[in-house]
């Protein structure tokens, strides 16, 4: 059963890739699509961060990860370098987990 699911998913991925290659070039050159494709990865990453930070199954969970995210947001607002943002968030979460 597992191999059937793997094969079906593989064929579906191949068909999706072929469908992407089949799109006419004139459709991909529009300004609206170009603006959307620039912003789409940011939106997807933000959604992933929120779900992984605040979610626990089907429940909202506020714990050390949430505090780390808040510290990271403040550091970003203060225009701290990326490495400082990551270290500050990780240190905050680690300290709160120890406590």
PDB file of N, CA and C in Angstrom:
ATOM      1  N   UNK A   1       0.826  -1.199   0.000  1.00  0.00           N
ATOM      2  CA  UNK A   1       0.000   0.000   0.000  1.00  0.00           C
ATOM      3  C   UNK A   1       0.869   1.262   0.000  1.00  0.00           C
ATOM      4  N   UNK A   2       1.977   1.242   0.744  1.00  0.00           N
ATOM      5  CA  UNK A   2       2.842   2.410   0.803  1.00  0.00           C
ATOM      6  C   UNK A   2       3.470   2.696  -0.551  1.00  0.00           C
ATOM      7  N   UNK A   3       3.885   1.639  -1.258  1.00  0.00           N
ATOM      8  CA  UNK A   3       4.517   1.828  -2.558  1.00  0.00           C
ATOM      9  C   UNK A   3       3.533   2.372  -3.579  1.00  0.00           C
ATOM     10  N   UNK A   4       2.279   1.993  -3.460  1.00  0.00           N
ATOM     11  CA  UNK A   4       1.260   2.519  -4.367  1.00  0.00           C
ATOM     12  C   UNK A   4       1.114   4.030  -4.143  1.00  0.00           C
ATOM     13  N   UNK A   5       1.092   4.446  -2.874  1.00  0.00           N
ATOM     14  CA  UNK A   5       0.978   5.875  -2.569  1.00  0.00           C
ATOM     15  C   UNK A   5       2.200   6.640  -3.080  1.00  0.00           C
ATOM     16  N   UNK A   6       3.387   6.058  -2.938  1.00  0.00           N
ATOM     17  CA  UNK A   6       4.603   6.708  -3.425  1.00  0.00           C
ATOM     18  C   UNK A   6       4.567   6.843  -4.941  1.00  0.00           C
ATOM     19  N   UNK A   7       4.143   5.796  -5.624  1.00  0.00           N
ATOM     20  CA  UNK A   7       4.072   5.841  -7.089  1.00  0.00           C
ATOM     21  C   UNK A   7       3.019   6.843  -7.567  1.00  0.00           C
ATOM     22  N   UNK A   8       1.874   6.879  -6.922  1.00  0.00           N
ATOM     23  CA  UNK A   8       0.824   7.831  -7.304  1.00  0.00           C
ATOM     24  C   UNK A   8       1.294   9.263  -7.071  1.00  0.00           C
ATOM     25  N   UNK A   9       1.949   9.510  -5.943  1.00  0.00           N
ATOM     26  CA  UNK A   9       2.459  10.850  -5.665  1.00  0.00           C
ATOM     27  C   UNK A   9       3.545  11.235  -6.667  1.00  0.00           C
ATOM     28  N   UNK A  10       4.384  10.288  -7.060  1.00  0.00           N
ATOM     29  CA  UNK A  10       5.440  10.565  -8.040  1.00  0.00           C
ATOM     30  C   UNK A  10       4.851  10.930  -9.395  1.00  0.00           C
ATOM     31  N   UNK A  11       3.854  10.193  -9.830  1.00  0.00           N
ATOM     32  CA  UNK A  11       3.211  10.483 -11.109  1.00  0.00           C
ATOM     33  C   UNK A  11       2.505  11.839 -11.045  1.00  0.00           C
ATOM     34  N   UNK A  12       1.863  12.136  -9.913  1.00  0.00           N
ATOM     35  CA  UNK A  12       1.191  13.423  -9.765  1.00  0.00           C
ATOM     36  C   UNK A  12       2.197  14.568  -9.834  1.00  0.00           C
ATOM     37  N   UNK A  13       3.356  14.413  -9.205  1.00  0.00           N
ATOM     38  CA  UNK A  13       4.393  15.452  -9.260  1.00  0.00           C
ATOM     39  C   UNK A  13       4.912  15.631 -10.677  1.00  0.00           C
ATOM     40  N   UNK A  14       5.109  14.529 -11.388  1.00  0.00           N
ATOM     41  CA  UNK A  14       5.569  14.611 -12.775  1.00  0.00           C
ATOM     42  C   UNK A  14       4.545  15.333 -13.640  1.00  0.00           C
ATOM     43  N   UNK A  15       3.264  14.997 -13.480  1.00  0.00           N
ATOM     44  CA  UNK A  15       2.220  15.661 -14.266  1.00  0.00           C
ATOM     45  C   UNK A  15       2.123  17.150 -13.938  1.00  0.00           C
ATOM     46  N   UNK A  16       2.321  17.500 -12.676  1.00  0.00           N
ATOM     47  CA  UNK A  16       2.304  18.908 -12.296  1.00  0.00           C
ATOM     48  C   UNK A  16       3.473  19.659 -12.931  1.00  0.00           C
ATOM     49  N   UNK A  17       4.635  19.019 -12.974  1.00  0.00           N
ATOM     50  CA  UNK A  17       5.804  19.652 -13.590  1.00  0.00           C
ATOM     51  C   UNK A  17       5.586  19.809 -15.101  1.00  0.00           C
ATOM     52  N   UNK A  18       5.033  18.800 -15.749  1.00  0.00           N
ATOM     53  CA  UNK A  18       4.752  18.887 -17.187  1.00  0.00           C
ATOM     54  C   UNK A  18       3.723  19.982 -17.455  1.00  0.00           C
ATOM     55  N   UNK A  19       2.735  20.108 -16.589  1.00  0.00           N
ATOM     56  CA  UNK A  19       1.742  21.164 -16.753  1.00  0.00           C
ATOM     57  C   UNK A  19       2.400  22.540 -16.646  1.00  0.00           C
ATOM     58  N   UNK A  20       3.375  22.694 -15.751  1.00  0.00           N
ATOM     59  CA  UNK A  20       4.092  23.957 -15.633  1.00  0.00           C
ATOM     60  C   UNK A  20       4.896  24.280 -16.882  1.00  0.00           C
ATOM     61  N   UNK A  21       5.497  23.270 -17.486  1.00  0.00           N
ATOM     62  CA  UNK A  21       6.255  23.484 -18.726  1.00  0.00           C
ATOM     63  C   UNK A  21       5.339  23.820 -19.894  1.00  0.00           C
ATOM     64  N   UNK A  22       4.080  23.425 -19.803  1.00  0.00           N
ATOM     65  CA  UNK A  22       3.135  23.618 -20.908  1.00  0.00           C
ATOM     66  C   UNK A  22       2.521  25.019 -20.936  1.00  0.00           C
ATOM     67  N   UNK A  23       2.740  25.812 -19.921  1.00  0.00           N
ATOM     68  CA  UNK A  23       2.162  27.156 -19.858  1.00  0.00           C
ATOM     69  C   UNK A  23       2.844  28.045 -20.898  1.00  0.00           C
ATOM     70  N   UNK A  24       2.073  28.756 -21.706  1.00  0.00           N
ATOM     71  CA  UNK A  24       2.677  29.629 -22.721  1.00  0.00           C
ATOM     72  C   UNK A  24       3.506  30.757 -22.098  1.00  0.00           C
ATOM     73  N   UNK A  25       4.575  31.138 -22.774  1.00  0.00           N
ATOM     74  CA  UNK A  25       5.486  32.160 -22.259  1.00  0.00           C
ATOM     75  C   UNK A  25       4.792  33.511 -22.099  1.00  0.00           C
ATOM     76  N   UNK A  26       3.844  33.847 -22.974  1.00  0.00           N
ATOM     77  CA  UNK A  26       3.178  35.139 -22.887  1.00  0.00           C
ATOM     78  C   UNK A  26       2.374  35.274 -21.584  1.00  0.00           C
ATOM     79  N   UNK A  27       1.907  34.154 -21.050  1.00  0.00           N
ATOM     80  CA  UNK A  27       1.163  34.185 -19.795  1.00  0.00           C
ATOM     81  C   UNK A  27       2.099  34.486 -18.620  1.00  0.00           C
ATOM     82  N   UNK A  28       3.331  34.003 -18.691  1.00  0.00           N
ATOM     83  CA  UNK A  28       4.283  34.169 -17.596  1.00  0.00           C
ATOM     84  C   UNK A  28       4.953  35.537 -17.578  1.00  0.00           C
ATOM     85  N   UNK A  29       4.782  36.333 -18.607  1.00  0.00           N
ATOM     86  CA  UNK A  29       5.459  37.619 -18.705  1.00  0.00           C
ATOM     87  C   UNK A  29       4.626  38.795 -18.216  1.00  0.00           C
ATOM     88  N   UNK A  30       3.434  38.551 -17.716  1.00  0.00           N
ATOM     89  CA  UNK A  30       2.564  39.635 -17.254  1.00  0.00           C
ATOM     90  C   UNK A  30       3.054  40.259 -15.955  1.00  0.00           C
ATOM     91  N   UNK A  31       2.756  41.545 -15.772  1.00  0.00           N
ATOM     92  CA  UNK A  31       3.186  42.262 -14.572  1.00  0.00           C
ATOM     93  C   UNK A  31       2.513  41.727 -13.308  1.00  0.00           C
ATOM     94  N   UNK A  32       1.235  41.423 -13.400  1.00  0.00           N
ATOM     95  CA  UNK A  32       0.498  40.934 -12.235  1.00  0.00           C
ATOM     96  C   UNK A  32       1.085  39.614 -11.743  1.00  0.00           C
ATOM     97  N   UNK A  33       1.374  38.709 -12.651  1.00  0.00           N
ATOM     98  CA  UNK A  33       1.943  37.423 -12.270  1.00  0.00           C
ATOM     99  C   UNK A  33       3.351  37.594 -11.712  1.00  0.00           C
ATOM    100  N   UNK A  34       4.111  38.486 -12.279  1.00  0.00           N
ATOM    101  CA  UNK A  34       5.476  38.731 -11.802  1.00  0.00           C
ATOM    102  C   UNK A  34       5.461  39.273 -10.370  1.00  0.00           C
ATOM    103  N   UNK A  35       4.548  40.202 -10.065  1.00  0.00           N
ATOM    104  CA  UNK A  35       4.441  40.728  -8.697  1.00  0.00           C
ATOM    105  C   UNK A  35       4.003  39.643  -7.724  1.00  0.00           C
ATOM    106  N   UNK A  36       3.083  38.797  -8.166  1.00  0.00           N
ATOM    107  CA  UNK A  36       2.585  37.727  -7.308  1.00  0.00           C
ATOM    108  C   UNK A  36       3.671  36.708  -7.007  1.00  0.00           C
ATOM    109  N   UNK A  37       4.433  36.328  -7.998  1.00  0.00           N
ATOM    110  CA  UNK A  37       5.468  35.319  -7.775  1.00  0.00           C
ATOM    111  C   UNK A  37       6.593  35.842  -6.899  1.00  0.00           C
ATOM    112  N   UNK A  38       6.796  37.138  -6.854  1.00  0.00           N
ATOM    113  CA  UNK A  38       7.814  37.699  -5.961  1.00  0.00           C
ATOM    114  C   UNK A  38       7.339  37.623  -4.508  1.00  0.00           C
ATOM    115  N   UNK A  39       6.056  37.857  -4.269  1.00  0.00           N
ATOM    116  CA  UNK A  39       5.536  37.898  -2.908  1.00  0.00           C
ATOM    117  C   UNK A  39       5.077  36.541  -2.369  1.00  0.00           C
ATOM    118  N   UNK A  40       4.839  35.584  -3.231  1.00  0.00           N
ATOM    119  CA  UNK A  40       4.307  34.293  -2.805  1.00  0.00           C
ATOM    120  C   UNK A  40       5.230  33.538  -1.846  1.00  0.00           C
ATOM    121  N   UNK A  41       6.526  33.442  -2.086  1.00  0.00           N
ATOM    122  CA  UNK A  41       7.374  32.723  -1.117  1.00  0.00           C
ATOM    123  C   UNK A  41       7.375  33.359   0.271  1.00  0.00           C
ATOM    124  N   UNK A  42       7.305  34.681   0.338  1.00  0.00           N
ATOM    125  CA  UNK A  42       7.274  35.363   1.636  1.00  0.00           C
ATOM    126  C   UNK A  42       5.997  34.993   2.389  1.00  0.00           C
ATOM    127  N   UNK A  43       4.880  34.996   1.699  1.00  0.00           N
ATOM    128  CA  UNK A  43       3.608  34.660   2.336  1.00  0.00           C
ATOM    129  C   UNK A  43       3.586  33.205   2.797  1.00  0.00           C
ATOM    130  N   UNK A  44       4.099  32.302   1.969  1.00  0.00           N
ATOM    131  CA  UNK A  44       4.126  30.890   2.354  1.00  0.00           C
ATOM    132  C   UNK A  44       5.045  30.652   3.545  1.00  0.00           C
ATOM    133  N   UNK A  45       6.197  31.291   3.558  1.00  0.00           N
ATOM    134  CA  UNK A  45       7.115  31.129   4.683  1.00  0.00           C
ATOM    135  C   UNK A  45       6.521  31.705   5.963  1.00  0.00           C
ATOM    136  N   UNK A  46       5.866  32.852   5.867  1.00  0.00           N
ATOM    137  CA  UNK A  46       5.232  33.448   7.048  1.00  0.00           C
ATOM    138  C   UNK A  46       4.143  32.534   7.595  1.00  0.00           C
ATOM    139  N   UNK A  47       3.348  31.961   6.716  1.00  0.00           N
ATOM    140  CA  UNK A  47       2.312  31.028   7.164  1.00  0.00           C
ATOM    141  C   UNK A  47       2.900  29.796   7.832  1.00  0.00           C
ATOM    142  N   UNK A  48       3.982  29.275   7.283  1.00  0.00           N
ATOM    143  CA  UNK A  48       4.638  28.119   7.872  1.00  0.00           C
ATOM    144  C   UNK A  48       5.201  28.439   9.252  1.00  0.00           C
ATOM    145  N   UNK A  49       5.816  29.593   9.400  1.00  0.00           N
ATOM    146  CA  UNK A  49       6.372  29.993  10.695  1.00  0.00           C
ATOM    147  C   UNK A  49       5.257  30.116  11.727  1.00  0.00           C
ATOM    148  N   UNK A  50       4.149  30.731  11.367  1.00  0.00           N
ATOM    149  CA  UNK A  50       3.044  30.917  12.316  1.00  0.00           C
ATOM    150  C   UNK A  50       2.458  29.573  12.726  1.00  0.00           C
ATOM    151  N   UNK A  51       2.241  28.691  11.770  1.00  0.00           N
ATOM    152  CA  UNK A  51       1.653  27.387  12.093  1.00  0.00           C
ATOM    153  C   UNK A  51       2.593  26.564  12.971  1.00  0.00           C
ATOM    154  N   UNK A  52       3.882  26.564  12.651  1.00  0.00           N
ATOM    155  CA  UNK A  52       4.830  25.780  13.432  1.00  0.00           C
ATOM    156  C   UNK A  52       5.093  26.395  14.809  1.00  0.00           C
ATOM    157  N   UNK A  53       4.934  27.680  14.949  1.00  0.00           N
ATOM    158  CA  UNK A  53       5.216  28.339  16.220  1.00  0.00           C
ATOM    159  C   UNK A  53       4.008  28.318  17.147  1.00  0.00           C
ATOM    160  N   UNK A  54       2.848  28.579  16.626  1.00  0.00           N
ATOM    161  CA  UNK A  54       1.665  28.731  17.472  1.00  0.00           C
ATOM    162  C   UNK A  54       0.743  27.531  17.483  1.00  0.00           C
ATOM    163  N   UNK A  55       0.990  26.544  16.650  1.00  0.00           N
ATOM    164  CA  UNK A  55       0.074  25.433  16.550  1.00  0.00           C
ATOM    165  C   UNK A  55       0.563  24.186  17.258  1.00  0.00           C
ATOM    166  N   UNK A  56      -0.368  23.467  17.835  1.00  0.00           N
ATOM    167  CA  UNK A  56      -0.098  22.156  18.427  1.00  0.00           C
ATOM    168  C   UNK A  56      -1.311  21.295  18.123  1.00  0.00           C
ATOM    169  N   UNK A  57      -1.228  20.564  17.040  1.00  0.00           N
ATOM    170  CA  UNK A  57      -2.403  19.810  16.608  1.00  0.00           C
ATOM    171  C   UNK A  57      -3.458  20.778  16.110  1.00  0.00           C
ATOM    172  N   UNK A  58      -4.599  20.766  16.774  1.00  0.00           N
ATOM    173  CA  UNK A  58      -5.684  21.672  16.393  1.00  0.00           C
ATOM    174  C   UNK A  58      -5.869  22.786  17.417  1.00  0.00           C
ATOM    175  N   UNK A  59      -4.868  22.980  18.268  1.00  0.00           N
ATOM    176  CA  UNK A  59      -4.982  23.959  19.337  1.00  0.00           C
ATOM    177  C   UNK A  59      -3.934  25.055  19.188  1.00  0.00           C
ATOM    178  N   UNK A  60      -4.253  26.215  19.715  1.00  0.00           N
ATOM    179  CA  UNK A  60      -3.316  27.331  19.783  1.00  0.00           C
ATOM    180  C   UNK A  60      -2.469  27.158  21.032  1.00  0.00           C
ATOM    181  N   UNK A  61      -1.163  27.279  20.878  1.00  0.00           N
ATOM    182  CA  UNK A  61      -0.257  27.051  21.999  1.00  0.00           C
ATOM    183  C   UNK A  61       0.724  28.209  22.109  1.00  0.00           C
ATOM    184  N   UNK A  62       0.730  28.844  23.254  1.00  0.00           N
ATOM    185  CA  UNK A  62       1.680  29.928  23.513  1.00  0.00           C
ATOM    186  C   UNK A  62       2.717  29.394  24.491  1.00  0.00           C
ATOM    187  N   UNK A  63       3.959  29.239  24.012  1.00  0.00           N
ATOM    188  CA  UNK A  63       5.028  28.718  24.858  1.00  0.00           C
ATOM    189  C   UNK A  63       6.326  29.444  24.529  1.00  0.00           C
ATOM    190  N   UNK A  64       7.441  28.810  24.760  1.00  0.00           N
ATOM    191  CA  UNK A  64       8.743  29.442  24.548  1.00  0.00           C
ATOM    192  C   UNK A  64       8.955  29.818  23.081  1.00  0.00           C
ATOM    193  N   UNK A  65       8.401  29.054  22.167  1.00  0.00           N
ATOM    194  CA  UNK A  65       8.530  29.388  20.740  1.00  0.00           C
ATOM    195  C   UNK A  65       7.867  30.723  20.436  1.00  0.00           C
ATOM    196  N   UNK A  66       6.727  30.972  21.047  1.00  0.00           N
ATOM    197  CA  UNK A  66       6.022  32.237  20.827  1.00  0.00           C
ATOM    198  C   UNK A  66       6.838  33.417  21.338  1.00  0.00           C
ATOM    199  N   UNK A  67       7.455  33.241  22.496  1.00  0.00           N
ATOM    200  CA  UNK A  67       8.296  34.304  23.042  1.00  0.00           C
ATOM    201  C   UNK A  67       9.510  34.542  22.147  1.00  0.00           C
ATOM    202  N   UNK A  68      10.090  33.469  21.637  1.00  0.00           N
ATOM    203  CA  UNK A  68      11.218  33.608  20.718  1.00  0.00           C
ATOM    204  C   UNK A  68      10.827  34.348  19.454  1.00  0.00           C
ATOM    205  N   UNK A  69       9.647  34.050  18.947  1.00  0.00           N
ATOM    206  CA  UNK A  69       9.158  34.744  17.757  1.00  0.00           C
ATOM    207  C   UNK A  69       8.922  36.229  18.049  1.00  0.00           C
ATOM    208  N   UNK A  70       8.402  36.525  19.222  1.00  0.00           N
ATOM    209  CA  UNK A  70       8.183  37.929  19.593  1.00  0.00           C
ATOM    210  C   UNK A  70       9.508  38.678  19.701  1.00  0.00           C
ATOM    211  N   UNK A  71      10.514  38.043  20.302  1.00  0.00           N
ATOM    212  CA  UNK A  71      11.832  38.673  20.401  1.00  0.00           C
ATOM    213  C   UNK A  71      12.422  38.886  19.012  1.00  0.00           C
ATOM    214  N   UNK A  72      12.246  37.911  18.124  1.00  0.00           N
ATOM    215  CA  UNK A  72      12.741  38.051  16.754  1.00  0.00           C
ATOM    216  C   UNK A  72      12.043  39.208  16.041  1.00  0.00           C
ATOM    217  N   UNK A  73      10.747  39.347  16.247  1.00  0.00           N
ATOM    218  CA  UNK A  73      10.009  40.449  15.614  1.00  0.00           C
ATOM    219  C   UNK A  73      10.507  41.804  16.106  1.00  0.00           C
ATOM    220  N   UNK A  74      10.747  41.908  17.413  1.00  0.00           N
ATOM    221  CA  UNK A  74      11.265  43.167  17.960  1.00  0.00           C
ATOM    222  C   UNK A  74      12.652  43.458  17.406  1.00  0.00           C
ATOM    223  N   UNK A  75      13.498  42.419  17.341  1.00  0.00           N
ATOM    224  CA  UNK A  75      14.849  42.615  16.808  1.00  0.00           C
ATOM    225  C   UNK A  75      14.802  43.045  15.342  1.00  0.00           C
ATOM    226  N   UNK A  76      13.873  42.489  14.582  1.00  0.00           N
ATOM    227  CA  UNK A  76      13.730  42.903  13.181  1.00  0.00           C
ATOM    228  C   UNK A  76      13.252  44.347  13.068  1.00  0.00           C
ATOM    229  N   UNK A  77      12.336  44.738  13.956  1.00  0.00           N
ATOM    230  CA  UNK A  77      11.870  46.127  13.944  1.00  0.00           C
ATOM    231  C   UNK A  77      12.987  47.097  14.297  1.00  0.00           C
ATOM    232  N   UNK A  78      13.927  46.637  15.119  1.00  0.00           N
ATOM    233  CA  UNK A  78      15.075  47.464  15.484  1.00  0.00           C
ATOM    234  C   UNK A  78      16.197  47.359  14.451  1.00  0.00           C
ATOM    235  N   UNK A  79      15.930  46.640  13.361  1.00  0.00           N
ATOM    236  CA  UNK A  79      16.874  46.477  12.247  1.00  0.00           C
ATOM    237  C   UNK A  79      18.171  45.797  12.667  1.00  0.00           C
ATOM    238  N   UNK A  80      18.056  44.785  13.507  1.00  0.00           N
ATOM    239  CA  UNK A  80      19.220  44.002  13.913  1.00  0.00           C
ATOM    240  C   UNK A  80      19.639  43.094  12.757  1.00  0.00           C
ATOM    241  N   UNK A  81      20.913  42.736  12.683  1.00  0.00           N
ATOM    242  CA  UNK A  81      21.363  41.799  11.648  1.00  0.00           C
ATOM    243  C   UNK A  81      20.680  40.436  11.824  1.00  0.00           C
ATOM    244  N   UNK A  82      20.587  39.696  10.739  1.00  0.00           N
ATOM    245  CA  UNK A  82      19.851  38.426  10.750  1.00  0.00           C
ATOM    246  C   UNK A  82      20.403  37.459  11.789  1.00  0.00           C
ATOM    247  N   UNK A  83      21.700  37.361  11.890  1.00  0.00           N
ATOM    248  CA  UNK A  83      22.305  36.437  12.854  1.00  0.00           C
ATOM    249  C   UNK A  83      21.934  36.822  14.286  1.00  0.00           C
ATOM    250  N   UNK A  84      21.897  38.099  14.576  1.00  0.00           N
ATOM    251  CA  UNK A  84      21.493  38.562  15.910  1.00  0.00           C
ATOM    252  C   UNK A  84      20.034  38.201  16.167  1.00  0.00           C
ATOM    253  N   UNK A  85      19.187  38.335  15.169  1.00  0.00           N
ATOM    254  CA  UNK A  85      17.764  37.994  15.310  1.00  0.00           C
ATOM    255  C   UNK A  85      17.620  36.517  15.647  1.00  0.00           C
ATOM    256  N   UNK A  86      18.312  35.663  14.917  1.00  0.00           N
ATOM    257  CA  UNK A  86      18.203  34.214  15.133  1.00  0.00           C
ATOM    258  C   UNK A  86      18.738  33.831  16.506  1.00  0.00           C
ATOM    259  N   UNK A  87      19.896  34.369  16.875  1.00  0.00           N
ATOM    260  CA  UNK A  87      20.492  34.027  18.171  1.00  0.00           C
ATOM    261  C   UNK A  87      19.614  34.540  19.319  1.00  0.00           C
ATOM    262  N   UNK A  88      19.079  35.733  19.198  1.00  0.00           N
ATOM    263  CA  UNK A  88      18.226  36.279  20.257  1.00  0.00           C
ATOM    264  C   UNK A  88      16.961  35.435  20.423  1.00  0.00           C
ATOM    265  N   UNK A  89      16.355  35.053  19.321  1.00  0.00           N
ATOM    266  CA  UNK A  89      15.139  34.230  19.397  1.00  0.00           C
ATOM    267  C   UNK A  89      15.436  32.862  19.992  1.00  0.00           C
ATOM    268  N   UNK A  90      16.524  32.248  19.559  1.00  0.00           N
ATOM    269  CA  UNK A  90      16.893  30.923  20.064  1.00  0.00           C
ATOM    270  C   UNK A  90      17.249  30.988  21.548  1.00  0.00           C
ATOM    271  N   UNK A  91      17.990  32.020  21.947  1.00  0.00           N
ATOM    272  CA  UNK A  91      18.363  32.160  23.346  1.00  0.00           C
ATOM    273  C   UNK A  91      17.139  32.390  24.229  1.00  0.00           C
ATOM    274  N   UNK A  92      16.208  33.189  23.751  1.00  0.00           N
ATOM    275  CA  UNK A  92      14.979  33.444  24.514  1.00  0.00           C
ATOM    276  C   UNK A  92      14.194  32.149  24.710  1.00  0.00           C
ATOM    277  N   UNK A  93      14.023  31.406  23.645  1.00  0.00           N
ATOM    278  CA  UNK A  93      13.279  30.142  23.746  1.00  0.00           C
ATOM    279  C   UNK A  93      14.001  29.158  24.656  1.00  0.00           C
ATOM    280  N   UNK A  94      15.343  29.091  24.558  1.00  0.00           N
ATOM    281  CA  UNK A  94      16.092  28.160  25.380  1.00  0.00           C
ATOM    282  C   UNK A  94      15.996  28.506  26.863  1.00  0.00           C
ATOM    283  N   UNK A  95      16.129  29.792  27.171  1.00  0.00           N
ATOM    284  CA  UNK A  95      16.050  30.218  28.584  1.00  0.00           C
ATOM    285  C   UNK A  95      14.672  29.936  29.143  1.00  0.00           C
ATOM    286  N   UNK A  96      13.639  30.231  28.383  1.00  0.00           N
ATOM    287  CA  UNK A  96      12.276  29.986  28.881  1.00  0.00           C
ATOM    288  C   UNK A  96      11.980  28.497  29.022  1.00  0.00           C
ATOM    289  N   UNK A  97      12.561  27.674  28.193  1.00  0.00           N
ATOM    290  CA  UNK A  97      12.346  26.224  28.336  1.00  0.00           C
ATOM    291  C   UNK A  97      13.063  25.691  29.576  1.00  0.00           C
ATOM    292  N   UNK A  98      14.214  26.263  29.893  1.00  0.00           N
ATOM    293  CA  UNK A  98      14.924  25.826  31.098  1.00  0.00           C
ATOM    294  C   UNK A  98      14.152  26.225  32.345  1.00  0.00           C
ATOM    295  N   UNK A  99      13.581  27.420  32.311  1.00  0.00           N
ATOM    296  CA  UNK A  99      12.812  27.898  33.469  1.00  0.00           C
ATOM    297  C   UNK A  99      11.504  27.142  33.572  1.00  0.00           C
TER     298      UNK A  99
END
